């Protein structure tokens, strides 16, 4: 992992290549295809590095204020695996994620045990008050929700991110946002939320 503090200096943030420098620190993938079904593999360093990058750089108000921050959040989401693609690789058939409760072949365990969904990380970033003040905040929340639906379906069995989404909509700053009610309604279609309704 690089020196993340160096990415938050004023000169670094003013550099037109700042977002590219952050992308260079992001892992290329959370799942090494050669190891994807190896139950004996070590804890995933790529996931740890991504979590550190989110906590140390992307959750910082200086980064959130950067015009390219939204694109980087989308990049975090893009690292999530796709259930259909994984089942096609594993079983020779792409399965519907809404039927994941019946999947006994190990793909669901792979996703949950090794943190191969980044939906929760993205919701965590979007819950920051500085993020909520961004003009693209609502579109970013929609993007994360639609990617959750596309990659993991709407069933409760692959619902990583629901706790972070609940926490997002529990925030008074979020609840005061003019699009919060509509976003919460969309989130309720996709995730098994347990928080207070609007």
N, C-alpha and C. Protein backbone atom coordinates (compact mmCIF):
# COMPACT_ATOMS: atom_id res chain seq x y z
N UNK A 1 0.85 -1.18 0.00
CA UNK A 1 0.00 0.00 0.00
C UNK A 1 0.89 1.24 0.00
N UNK A 2 0.53 2.22 -0.79
CA UNK A 2 1.32 3.44 -0.88
C UNK A 2 1.06 4.34 0.32
N UNK A 3 1.81 5.42 0.42
CA UNK A 3 1.61 6.40 1.49
C UNK A 3 0.34 7.18 1.17
N UNK A 4 -0.75 6.79 1.81
CA UNK A 4 -2.03 7.42 1.48
C UNK A 4 -2.07 8.88 1.88
N UNK A 5 -1.35 9.25 2.93
CA UNK A 5 -1.35 10.65 3.36
C UNK A 5 -0.85 11.57 2.25
N UNK A 6 0.05 11.05 1.41
CA UNK A 6 0.59 11.86 0.32
C UNK A 6 -0.47 12.21 -0.71
N UNK A 7 -1.55 11.44 -0.74
CA UNK A 7 -2.62 11.71 -1.70
C UNK A 7 -3.55 12.83 -1.24
N UNK A 8 -3.37 13.29 0.00
CA UNK A 8 -4.28 14.30 0.56
C UNK A 8 -3.61 15.64 0.78
N UNK A 9 -2.38 15.80 0.31
CA UNK A 9 -1.73 17.10 0.42
C UNK A 9 -2.35 18.05 -0.60
N UNK A 10 -2.24 19.33 -0.35
CA UNK A 10 -2.80 20.32 -1.27
C UNK A 10 -2.21 20.19 -2.68
N UNK A 11 -0.88 20.02 -2.82
CA UNK A 11 -0.34 19.85 -4.18
C UNK A 11 -0.86 18.60 -4.87
N UNK A 12 -1.00 17.51 -4.13
CA UNK A 12 -1.51 16.28 -4.74
C UNK A 12 -2.93 16.45 -5.22
N UNK A 13 -3.77 17.08 -4.40
CA UNK A 13 -5.18 17.27 -4.77
C UNK A 13 -5.34 18.24 -5.93
N UNK A 14 -4.38 19.16 -6.08
CA UNK A 14 -4.44 20.13 -7.18
C UNK A 14 -3.90 19.56 -8.47
N UNK A 15 -3.20 18.45 -8.38
CA UNK A 15 -2.60 17.82 -9.56
C UNK A 15 -3.71 17.25 -10.44
N UNK A 16 -3.72 17.57 -11.75
CA UNK A 16 -4.76 17.02 -12.63
C UNK A 16 -4.78 15.50 -12.69
N UNK A 17 -3.69 14.87 -12.29
CA UNK A 17 -3.64 13.41 -12.33
C UNK A 17 -3.98 12.77 -10.98
N UNK A 18 -4.57 13.57 -10.06
CA UNK A 18 -4.85 13.05 -8.72
C UNK A 18 -5.70 11.78 -8.76
N UNK A 19 -6.79 11.80 -9.50
CA UNK A 19 -7.67 10.63 -9.55
C UNK A 19 -6.95 9.42 -10.12
N UNK A 20 -6.09 9.64 -11.10
CA UNK A 20 -5.32 8.53 -11.66
C UNK A 20 -4.37 7.95 -10.62
N UNK A 21 -3.81 8.80 -9.78
CA UNK A 21 -2.91 8.33 -8.72
C UNK A 21 -3.69 7.49 -7.70
N UNK A 22 -4.91 7.90 -7.41
CA UNK A 22 -5.73 7.11 -6.48
C UNK A 22 -6.10 5.78 -7.13
N UNK A 23 -6.48 5.82 -8.39
CA UNK A 23 -6.82 4.57 -9.10
C UNK A 23 -5.65 3.61 -9.12
N UNK A 24 -4.44 4.15 -9.20
CA UNK A 24 -3.25 3.29 -9.23
C UNK A 24 -3.06 2.54 -7.92
N UNK A 25 -3.63 3.06 -6.84
CA UNK A 25 -3.53 2.41 -5.54
C UNK A 25 -4.63 1.36 -5.36
N UNK A 26 -5.73 1.54 -6.08
CA UNK A 26 -6.82 0.57 -6.00
C UNK A 26 -6.38 -0.78 -6.56
N UNK A 27 -6.83 -1.86 -5.95
CA UNK A 27 -6.54 -3.17 -6.56
C UNK A 27 -7.24 -3.29 -7.91
N UNK A 28 -6.66 -4.07 -8.80
CA UNK A 28 -7.29 -4.28 -10.10
C UNK A 28 -8.49 -5.20 -9.98
N UNK A 29 -8.44 -6.10 -9.01
CA UNK A 29 -9.53 -7.03 -8.79
C UNK A 29 -9.49 -7.49 -7.33
N UNK A 30 -10.64 -7.90 -6.82
CA UNK A 30 -10.68 -8.48 -5.48
C UNK A 30 -10.60 -10.00 -5.53
N UNK A 31 -10.61 -10.54 -6.73
CA UNK A 31 -10.64 -11.99 -6.88
C UNK A 31 -9.65 -12.42 -7.94
N UNK A 32 -8.60 -13.08 -7.51
CA UNK A 32 -7.62 -13.64 -8.43
C UNK A 32 -8.26 -14.86 -9.08
N UNK A 33 -8.44 -14.83 -10.39
CA UNK A 33 -9.14 -15.91 -11.07
C UNK A 33 -8.48 -17.26 -10.85
N UNK A 34 -7.18 -17.27 -10.64
CA UNK A 34 -6.50 -18.54 -10.41
C UNK A 34 -6.80 -19.10 -9.03
N UNK A 35 -7.27 -18.22 -8.11
CA UNK A 35 -7.52 -18.66 -6.75
C UNK A 35 -8.99 -18.63 -6.38
N UNK A 36 -9.86 -18.28 -7.32
CA UNK A 36 -11.22 -17.93 -6.93
C UNK A 36 -11.97 -19.04 -6.22
N UNK A 37 -11.64 -20.29 -6.46
CA UNK A 37 -12.34 -21.36 -5.76
C UNK A 37 -11.39 -22.17 -4.87
N UNK A 38 -10.32 -21.51 -4.42
CA UNK A 38 -9.36 -22.14 -3.52
C UNK A 38 -9.75 -21.80 -2.09
N UNK A 39 -10.32 -22.74 -1.37
CA UNK A 39 -10.79 -22.49 -0.02
C UNK A 39 -9.65 -22.29 0.97
N UNK A 40 -8.44 -22.66 0.59
CA UNK A 40 -7.30 -22.57 1.50
C UNK A 40 -6.48 -21.29 1.31
N UNK A 41 -6.95 -20.39 0.45
CA UNK A 41 -6.14 -19.20 0.20
C UNK A 41 -6.09 -18.30 1.43
N UNK A 42 -5.06 -17.46 1.48
CA UNK A 42 -4.89 -16.54 2.59
C UNK A 42 -5.94 -15.43 2.52
N UNK A 43 -6.09 -14.73 3.64
CA UNK A 43 -7.03 -13.60 3.66
C UNK A 43 -6.67 -12.63 2.54
N UNK A 44 -7.67 -12.06 1.94
CA UNK A 44 -7.48 -11.28 0.72
C UNK A 44 -6.85 -9.93 1.01
N UNK A 45 -5.59 -9.77 0.60
CA UNK A 45 -4.88 -8.52 0.81
C UNK A 45 -5.50 -7.39 0.00
N UNK A 46 -6.02 -7.71 -1.19
CA UNK A 46 -6.63 -6.68 -2.03
C UNK A 46 -7.80 -6.02 -1.32
N UNK A 47 -8.62 -6.81 -0.66
CA UNK A 47 -9.77 -6.25 0.09
C UNK A 47 -9.27 -5.35 1.21
N UNK A 48 -8.26 -5.78 1.93
CA UNK A 48 -7.72 -4.96 3.01
C UNK A 48 -7.18 -3.64 2.48
N UNK A 49 -6.47 -3.70 1.36
CA UNK A 49 -5.92 -2.48 0.78
C UNK A 49 -7.04 -1.52 0.34
N UNK A 50 -8.11 -2.07 -0.22
CA UNK A 50 -9.22 -1.23 -0.66
C UNK A 50 -9.90 -0.58 0.55
N UNK A 51 -10.12 -1.35 1.60
CA UNK A 51 -10.72 -0.79 2.80
C UNK A 51 -9.87 0.33 3.38
N UNK A 52 -8.55 0.14 3.36
CA UNK A 52 -7.65 1.18 3.87
C UNK A 52 -7.73 2.42 3.01
N UNK A 53 -7.77 2.25 1.70
CA UNK A 53 -7.86 3.39 0.80
C UNK A 53 -9.15 4.17 1.04
N UNK A 54 -10.24 3.45 1.21
CA UNK A 54 -11.52 4.11 1.47
C UNK A 54 -11.47 4.89 2.78
N UNK A 55 -10.96 4.25 3.83
CA UNK A 55 -10.94 4.87 5.15
C UNK A 55 -9.96 6.04 5.24
N UNK A 56 -8.81 5.89 4.62
CA UNK A 56 -7.73 6.87 4.79
C UNK A 56 -7.75 7.98 3.75
N UNK A 57 -8.32 7.73 2.58
CA UNK A 57 -8.30 8.74 1.52
C UNK A 57 -9.72 9.13 1.11
N UNK A 58 -10.48 8.20 0.61
CA UNK A 58 -11.77 8.54 0.01
C UNK A 58 -12.80 9.04 1.01
N UNK A 59 -12.64 8.73 2.30
CA UNK A 59 -13.56 9.23 3.31
C UNK A 59 -13.12 10.58 3.88
N UNK A 60 -12.03 11.10 3.40
CA UNK A 60 -11.52 12.38 3.88
C UNK A 60 -12.24 13.52 3.16
N UNK A 61 -12.61 14.56 3.90
CA UNK A 61 -13.37 15.67 3.30
C UNK A 61 -12.61 16.33 2.15
N UNK A 62 -11.29 16.36 2.23
CA UNK A 62 -10.51 16.97 1.15
C UNK A 62 -10.67 16.17 -0.14
N UNK A 63 -10.70 14.86 -0.02
CA UNK A 63 -10.92 14.02 -1.21
C UNK A 63 -12.35 14.14 -1.70
N UNK A 64 -13.29 14.14 -0.76
CA UNK A 64 -14.71 14.21 -1.14
C UNK A 64 -15.00 15.49 -1.92
N UNK A 65 -14.29 16.54 -1.62
CA UNK A 65 -14.50 17.82 -2.32
C UNK A 65 -13.93 17.82 -3.73
N UNK A 66 -13.13 16.83 -4.06
CA UNK A 66 -12.50 16.79 -5.39
C UNK A 66 -13.54 16.45 -6.46
N UNK A 67 -13.49 17.13 -7.61
CA UNK A 67 -14.47 16.85 -8.67
C UNK A 67 -14.52 15.40 -9.14
N UNK A 68 -13.39 14.68 -9.03
CA UNK A 68 -13.34 13.30 -9.52
C UNK A 68 -13.69 12.26 -8.46
N UNK A 69 -14.09 12.71 -7.28
CA UNK A 69 -14.39 11.76 -6.20
C UNK A 69 -15.52 10.80 -6.59
N UNK A 70 -16.55 11.31 -7.22
CA UNK A 70 -17.66 10.45 -7.62
C UNK A 70 -17.24 9.33 -8.54
N UNK A 71 -16.34 9.63 -9.47
CA UNK A 71 -15.85 8.60 -10.38
C UNK A 71 -15.06 7.54 -9.62
N UNK A 72 -14.38 7.95 -8.56
CA UNK A 72 -13.63 6.99 -7.77
C UNK A 72 -14.56 6.09 -6.96
N UNK A 73 -15.66 6.65 -6.47
CA UNK A 73 -16.66 5.83 -5.78
C UNK A 73 -17.22 4.79 -6.74
N UNK A 74 -17.49 5.22 -7.96
CA UNK A 74 -17.96 4.26 -8.97
C UNK A 74 -16.91 3.18 -9.22
N UNK A 75 -15.64 3.56 -9.14
CA UNK A 75 -14.57 2.59 -9.30
C UNK A 75 -14.54 1.57 -8.17
N UNK A 76 -14.86 2.01 -6.96
CA UNK A 76 -14.95 1.09 -5.83
C UNK A 76 -16.07 0.08 -6.08
N UNK A 77 -17.22 0.58 -6.53
CA UNK A 77 -18.36 -0.31 -6.81
C UNK A 77 -18.01 -1.30 -7.91
N UNK A 78 -17.27 -0.85 -8.91
CA UNK A 78 -16.93 -1.71 -10.05
C UNK A 78 -16.05 -2.90 -9.65
N UNK A 79 -15.44 -2.84 -8.47
CA UNK A 79 -14.63 -3.96 -8.01
C UNK A 79 -15.47 -5.11 -7.45
N UNK A 80 -16.76 -4.86 -7.22
CA UNK A 80 -17.63 -5.95 -6.78
C UNK A 80 -17.68 -7.03 -7.85
N UNK A 81 -17.69 -8.28 -7.41
CA UNK A 81 -17.85 -9.37 -8.36
C UNK A 81 -19.30 -9.41 -8.83
N UNK A 82 -19.56 -10.22 -9.83
CA UNK A 82 -20.90 -10.40 -10.37
C UNK A 82 -21.32 -11.85 -10.14
N UNK A 83 -22.42 -12.04 -9.43
CA UNK A 83 -22.86 -13.39 -9.08
C UNK A 83 -23.08 -14.25 -10.32
N UNK A 84 -23.70 -13.69 -11.35
CA UNK A 84 -23.96 -14.48 -12.56
C UNK A 84 -22.66 -14.95 -13.21
N UNK A 85 -21.68 -14.05 -13.28
CA UNK A 85 -20.40 -14.41 -13.89
C UNK A 85 -19.69 -15.47 -13.07
N UNK A 86 -19.73 -15.34 -11.74
CA UNK A 86 -19.07 -16.33 -10.90
C UNK A 86 -19.72 -17.71 -11.02
N UNK A 87 -21.04 -17.74 -11.05
CA UNK A 87 -21.70 -19.05 -11.15
C UNK A 87 -21.48 -19.66 -12.52
N UNK A 88 -21.39 -18.82 -13.54
CA UNK A 88 -21.10 -19.37 -14.87
C UNK A 88 -19.72 -20.00 -14.90
N UNK A 89 -18.74 -19.32 -14.28
CA UNK A 89 -17.39 -19.88 -14.21
C UNK A 89 -17.36 -21.17 -13.40
N UNK A 90 -18.10 -21.18 -12.29
CA UNK A 90 -18.04 -22.31 -11.38
C UNK A 90 -18.86 -23.50 -11.84
N UNK A 91 -20.06 -23.22 -12.36
CA UNK A 91 -21.00 -24.30 -12.66
C UNK A 91 -21.29 -24.49 -14.14
N UNK A 92 -20.77 -23.58 -14.95
CA UNK A 92 -21.06 -23.66 -16.38
C UNK A 92 -22.41 -23.08 -16.75
N UNK A 93 -23.05 -22.43 -15.78
CA UNK A 93 -24.37 -21.83 -16.01
C UNK A 93 -24.50 -20.60 -15.13
N UNK A 94 -24.90 -19.49 -15.73
CA UNK A 94 -25.11 -18.26 -14.97
C UNK A 94 -26.43 -18.36 -14.22
N UNK A 95 -26.36 -18.28 -12.90
CA UNK A 95 -27.57 -18.40 -12.08
C UNK A 95 -28.10 -17.02 -11.70
N UNK A 96 -29.39 -16.95 -11.48
CA UNK A 96 -30.06 -15.73 -11.06
C UNK A 96 -29.72 -15.47 -9.59
N UNK A 97 -29.18 -14.30 -9.27
CA UNK A 97 -28.82 -14.04 -7.87
C UNK A 97 -30.00 -14.06 -6.91
N UNK A 98 -31.21 -13.83 -7.43
CA UNK A 98 -32.38 -13.88 -6.55
C UNK A 98 -32.68 -15.30 -6.10
N UNK A 99 -32.04 -16.29 -6.72
CA UNK A 99 -32.19 -17.67 -6.28
C UNK A 99 -30.98 -18.18 -5.53
N UNK A 100 -30.16 -17.27 -5.03
CA UNK A 100 -28.90 -17.65 -4.38
C UNK A 100 -29.11 -18.49 -3.12
N UNK A 101 -30.29 -18.41 -2.51
CA UNK A 101 -30.55 -19.21 -1.31
C UNK A 101 -30.49 -20.70 -1.62
N UNK A 102 -30.70 -21.06 -2.88
CA UNK A 102 -30.67 -22.48 -3.27
C UNK A 102 -29.31 -22.91 -3.82
N UNK A 103 -28.35 -22.01 -3.85
CA UNK A 103 -27.02 -22.30 -4.40
C UNK A 103 -26.17 -22.98 -3.33
N UNK A 104 -25.91 -24.25 -3.52
CA UNK A 104 -25.12 -25.01 -2.55
C UNK A 104 -23.71 -25.28 -3.05
N UNK A 105 -23.30 -24.59 -4.12
CA UNK A 105 -22.01 -24.88 -4.72
C UNK A 105 -20.85 -24.08 -4.19
N UNK A 106 -21.07 -23.15 -3.29
CA UNK A 106 -19.96 -22.42 -2.67
C UNK A 106 -19.75 -21.00 -3.14
N UNK A 107 -20.44 -20.57 -4.20
CA UNK A 107 -20.20 -19.22 -4.70
C UNK A 107 -20.66 -18.17 -3.70
N UNK A 108 -21.81 -18.39 -3.06
CA UNK A 108 -22.30 -17.43 -2.07
C UNK A 108 -21.29 -17.30 -0.93
N UNK A 109 -20.78 -18.43 -0.46
CA UNK A 109 -19.78 -18.39 0.62
C UNK A 109 -18.53 -17.65 0.18
N UNK A 110 -18.13 -17.85 -1.07
CA UNK A 110 -16.96 -17.15 -1.60
C UNK A 110 -17.16 -15.64 -1.52
N UNK A 111 -18.33 -15.18 -1.93
CA UNK A 111 -18.62 -13.75 -1.94
C UNK A 111 -18.63 -13.19 -0.52
N UNK A 112 -19.31 -13.87 0.38
CA UNK A 112 -19.45 -13.34 1.73
C UNK A 112 -18.17 -13.51 2.56
N UNK A 113 -17.53 -14.67 2.44
CA UNK A 113 -16.34 -14.93 3.27
C UNK A 113 -15.16 -14.06 2.90
N UNK A 114 -15.03 -13.72 1.62
CA UNK A 114 -13.86 -12.98 1.18
C UNK A 114 -14.15 -11.52 0.81
N UNK A 115 -15.34 -11.05 1.19
CA UNK A 115 -15.64 -9.63 1.00
C UNK A 115 -15.60 -9.19 -0.44
N UNK A 116 -16.24 -9.95 -1.32
CA UNK A 116 -16.16 -9.65 -2.76
C UNK A 116 -17.25 -8.70 -3.24
N UNK A 117 -18.04 -8.19 -2.30
CA UNK A 117 -18.97 -7.11 -2.61
C UNK A 117 -18.43 -5.83 -2.00
N UNK A 118 -18.43 -4.76 -2.78
CA UNK A 118 -17.96 -3.46 -2.28
C UNK A 118 -19.13 -2.50 -2.07
N UNK A 119 -20.35 -3.01 -2.13
CA UNK A 119 -21.53 -2.16 -2.00
C UNK A 119 -21.53 -1.46 -0.64
N UNK A 120 -21.22 -2.19 0.42
CA UNK A 120 -21.18 -1.59 1.75
C UNK A 120 -20.12 -0.50 1.87
N UNK A 121 -18.97 -0.72 1.27
CA UNK A 121 -17.92 0.31 1.28
C UNK A 121 -18.40 1.59 0.62
N UNK A 122 -19.09 1.43 -0.51
CA UNK A 122 -19.59 2.61 -1.23
C UNK A 122 -20.63 3.36 -0.41
N UNK A 123 -21.56 2.64 0.21
CA UNK A 123 -22.55 3.31 1.06
C UNK A 123 -21.88 4.01 2.24
N UNK A 124 -20.84 3.40 2.77
CA UNK A 124 -20.12 4.05 3.85
C UNK A 124 -19.53 5.39 3.42
N UNK A 125 -18.97 5.43 2.22
CA UNK A 125 -18.42 6.68 1.70
C UNK A 125 -19.52 7.72 1.48
N UNK A 126 -20.64 7.27 0.95
CA UNK A 126 -21.73 8.19 0.62
C UNK A 126 -22.48 8.70 1.85
N UNK A 127 -22.22 8.11 3.01
CA UNK A 127 -22.89 8.56 4.23
C UNK A 127 -22.19 9.75 4.88
N UNK A 128 -21.01 10.08 4.40
CA UNK A 128 -20.28 11.21 4.96
C UNK A 128 -21.04 12.50 4.66
N UNK A 129 -21.24 13.38 5.65
CA UNK A 129 -21.98 14.63 5.39
C UNK A 129 -21.44 15.44 4.22
N UNK A 130 -20.13 15.46 4.05
CA UNK A 130 -19.56 16.20 2.92
C UNK A 130 -19.97 15.57 1.60
N UNK A 131 -20.12 14.25 1.58
CA UNK A 131 -20.57 13.58 0.35
C UNK A 131 -22.01 13.93 0.03
N UNK A 132 -22.85 14.00 1.06
CA UNK A 132 -24.27 14.30 0.86
C UNK A 132 -24.44 15.69 0.27
N UNK A 133 -23.51 16.57 0.53
CA UNK A 133 -23.59 17.94 -0.01
C UNK A 133 -23.15 18.04 -1.47
N UNK A 134 -22.59 16.98 -2.00
CA UNK A 134 -22.16 17.01 -3.41
C UNK A 134 -23.38 17.01 -4.32
N UNK A 135 -23.25 17.68 -5.46
CA UNK A 135 -24.39 17.75 -6.39
C UNK A 135 -24.68 16.40 -7.03
N UNK A 136 -23.68 15.51 -7.07
CA UNK A 136 -23.88 14.20 -7.69
C UNK A 136 -24.21 13.11 -6.67
N UNK A 137 -24.47 13.49 -5.42
CA UNK A 137 -24.69 12.50 -4.37
C UNK A 137 -25.85 11.56 -4.71
N UNK A 138 -26.99 12.10 -5.07
CA UNK A 138 -28.16 11.26 -5.33
C UNK A 138 -27.90 10.30 -6.50
N UNK A 139 -27.23 10.79 -7.53
CA UNK A 139 -26.96 9.91 -8.67
C UNK A 139 -25.98 8.81 -8.28
N UNK A 140 -25.07 9.11 -7.37
CA UNK A 140 -24.14 8.08 -6.91
C UNK A 140 -24.86 7.03 -6.08
N UNK A 141 -25.78 7.45 -5.23
CA UNK A 141 -26.55 6.48 -4.44
C UNK A 141 -27.36 5.58 -5.38
N UNK A 142 -27.99 6.18 -6.38
CA UNK A 142 -28.74 5.37 -7.37
C UNK A 142 -27.83 4.38 -8.07
N UNK A 143 -26.65 4.83 -8.43
CA UNK A 143 -25.71 3.95 -9.12
C UNK A 143 -25.35 2.75 -8.25
N UNK A 144 -25.04 3.00 -6.99
CA UNK A 144 -24.68 1.90 -6.09
C UNK A 144 -25.85 0.92 -5.96
N UNK A 145 -27.06 1.45 -5.81
CA UNK A 145 -28.22 0.58 -5.67
C UNK A 145 -28.45 -0.25 -6.94
N UNK A 146 -28.34 0.37 -8.09
CA UNK A 146 -28.58 -0.37 -9.33
C UNK A 146 -27.48 -1.40 -9.58
N UNK A 147 -26.26 -1.09 -9.18
CA UNK A 147 -25.19 -2.08 -9.31
C UNK A 147 -25.39 -3.23 -8.34
N UNK A 148 -25.92 -2.93 -7.16
CA UNK A 148 -26.24 -4.01 -6.24
C UNK A 148 -27.28 -4.92 -6.87
N UNK A 149 -28.32 -4.33 -7.46
CA UNK A 149 -29.37 -5.11 -8.10
C UNK A 149 -28.80 -5.94 -9.26
N UNK A 150 -27.96 -5.33 -10.06
CA UNK A 150 -27.43 -6.01 -11.25
C UNK A 150 -26.48 -7.14 -10.87
N UNK A 151 -25.61 -6.91 -9.90
CA UNK A 151 -24.58 -7.89 -9.57
C UNK A 151 -25.05 -8.96 -8.59
N UNK A 152 -25.95 -8.58 -7.66
CA UNK A 152 -26.33 -9.49 -6.57
C UNK A 152 -27.84 -9.69 -6.43
N UNK A 153 -28.63 -9.08 -7.30
CA UNK A 153 -30.07 -9.25 -7.23
C UNK A 153 -30.70 -8.51 -6.07
N UNK A 154 -31.94 -8.86 -5.77
CA UNK A 154 -32.67 -8.18 -4.71
C UNK A 154 -33.04 -9.12 -3.57
N UNK A 155 -32.65 -10.37 -3.66
CA UNK A 155 -32.95 -11.32 -2.59
C UNK A 155 -32.14 -11.03 -1.34
N UNK A 156 -32.66 -11.45 -0.20
CA UNK A 156 -32.00 -11.18 1.07
C UNK A 156 -30.72 -11.99 1.25
N UNK A 157 -30.54 -13.04 0.44
CA UNK A 157 -29.41 -13.94 0.64
C UNK A 157 -28.08 -13.30 0.25
N UNK A 158 -28.10 -12.41 -0.72
CA UNK A 158 -26.89 -11.68 -1.13
C UNK A 158 -27.13 -10.19 -0.90
N UNK A 159 -27.28 -9.82 0.35
CA UNK A 159 -27.68 -8.45 0.68
C UNK A 159 -26.57 -7.67 1.36
N UNK A 160 -25.30 -8.02 1.08
CA UNK A 160 -24.20 -7.24 1.64
C UNK A 160 -24.43 -5.76 1.33
N UNK A 161 -24.23 -4.94 2.33
CA UNK A 161 -24.41 -3.50 2.16
C UNK A 161 -25.68 -2.98 2.82
N UNK A 162 -26.57 -3.88 3.25
CA UNK A 162 -27.84 -3.38 3.80
C UNK A 162 -27.62 -2.62 5.11
N UNK A 163 -26.68 -3.06 5.93
CA UNK A 163 -26.45 -2.35 7.19
C UNK A 163 -25.91 -0.95 6.94
N UNK A 164 -24.98 -0.85 6.00
CA UNK A 164 -24.41 0.46 5.65
C UNK A 164 -25.48 1.35 5.00
N UNK A 165 -26.37 0.74 4.22
CA UNK A 165 -27.45 1.51 3.60
C UNK A 165 -28.43 1.99 4.67
N UNK A 166 -28.75 1.14 5.63
CA UNK A 166 -29.59 1.55 6.75
C UNK A 166 -28.96 2.73 7.50
N UNK A 167 -27.67 2.63 7.75
CA UNK A 167 -26.97 3.71 8.46
C UNK A 167 -27.00 5.00 7.64
N UNK A 168 -26.87 4.86 6.34
CA UNK A 168 -26.93 6.03 5.45
C UNK A 168 -28.25 6.77 5.64
N UNK A 169 -29.36 6.03 5.58
CA UNK A 169 -30.67 6.67 5.66
C UNK A 169 -31.09 7.02 7.09
N UNK A 170 -30.29 6.62 8.08
CA UNK A 170 -30.55 7.03 9.45
C UNK A 170 -29.96 8.41 9.74
N UNK A 171 -29.06 8.85 8.88
CA UNK A 171 -28.39 10.13 9.08
C UNK A 171 -29.37 11.29 8.86
N UNK A 172 -29.36 12.23 9.78
CA UNK A 172 -30.24 13.40 9.64
C UNK A 172 -29.89 14.22 8.41
N UNK A 173 -28.60 14.28 8.08
CA UNK A 173 -28.18 15.02 6.88
C UNK A 173 -28.79 14.39 5.64
N UNK A 174 -28.77 13.06 5.59
CA UNK A 174 -29.35 12.36 4.44
C UNK A 174 -30.86 12.54 4.42
N UNK A 175 -31.51 12.39 5.57
CA UNK A 175 -32.96 12.47 5.62
C UNK A 175 -33.47 13.85 5.23
N UNK A 176 -32.62 14.86 5.35
CA UNK A 176 -33.01 16.21 4.95
C UNK A 176 -32.79 16.47 3.46
N UNK A 177 -32.15 15.55 2.79
CA UNK A 177 -31.87 15.73 1.35
C UNK A 177 -33.18 15.64 0.57
N UNK A 178 -33.39 16.52 -0.42
CA UNK A 178 -34.66 16.51 -1.15
C UNK A 178 -34.97 15.21 -1.89
N UNK A 179 -33.96 14.41 -2.20
CA UNK A 179 -34.20 13.16 -2.91
C UNK A 179 -34.16 11.93 -2.01
N UNK A 180 -34.03 12.16 -0.71
CA UNK A 180 -33.86 11.04 0.22
C UNK A 180 -35.05 10.09 0.21
N UNK A 181 -36.26 10.60 0.19
CA UNK A 181 -37.43 9.73 0.24
C UNK A 181 -37.48 8.80 -0.97
N UNK A 182 -37.26 9.36 -2.15
CA UNK A 182 -37.29 8.54 -3.37
C UNK A 182 -36.15 7.52 -3.38
N UNK A 183 -34.99 7.93 -2.91
CA UNK A 183 -33.86 7.01 -2.85
C UNK A 183 -34.11 5.89 -1.85
N UNK A 184 -34.71 6.23 -0.74
CA UNK A 184 -35.02 5.21 0.27
C UNK A 184 -36.04 4.21 -0.29
N UNK A 185 -37.01 4.69 -1.04
CA UNK A 185 -37.99 3.79 -1.65
C UNK A 185 -37.30 2.83 -2.62
N UNK A 186 -36.36 3.35 -3.41
CA UNK A 186 -35.61 2.48 -4.33
C UNK A 186 -34.77 1.48 -3.54
N UNK A 187 -34.10 1.96 -2.51
CA UNK A 187 -33.27 1.07 -1.70
C UNK A 187 -34.10 -0.05 -1.07
N UNK A 188 -35.32 0.27 -0.68
CA UNK A 188 -36.19 -0.73 -0.05
C UNK A 188 -36.61 -1.83 -1.02
N UNK A 189 -36.56 -1.53 -2.31
CA UNK A 189 -36.87 -2.55 -3.32
C UNK A 189 -35.70 -3.52 -3.50
N UNK A 190 -34.52 -3.06 -3.15
CA UNK A 190 -33.29 -3.80 -3.49
C UNK A 190 -32.65 -4.45 -2.29
N UNK A 191 -32.79 -3.85 -1.13
CA UNK A 191 -32.12 -4.32 0.09
C UNK A 191 -33.14 -4.51 1.21
N UNK A 192 -32.90 -5.47 2.10
CA UNK A 192 -33.82 -5.70 3.23
C UNK A 192 -33.57 -4.72 4.36
N UNK A 193 -33.97 -3.48 4.15
CA UNK A 193 -33.69 -2.43 5.14
C UNK A 193 -34.53 -2.63 6.40
N UNK A 194 -33.98 -2.23 7.52
CA UNK A 194 -34.67 -2.37 8.79
C UNK A 194 -34.83 -1.04 9.51
N UNK A 195 -34.29 0.04 8.93
CA UNK A 195 -34.32 1.34 9.59
C UNK A 195 -35.69 1.98 9.56
N UNK A 196 -35.75 3.17 10.15
CA UNK A 196 -37.01 3.90 10.21
C UNK A 196 -37.46 4.30 8.81
N UNK A 197 -38.73 4.08 8.48
CA UNK A 197 -39.23 4.51 7.17
C UNK A 197 -39.39 6.04 7.14
N UNK A 198 -39.58 6.56 5.97
CA UNK A 198 -39.79 8.00 5.83
C UNK A 198 -41.27 8.31 6.02
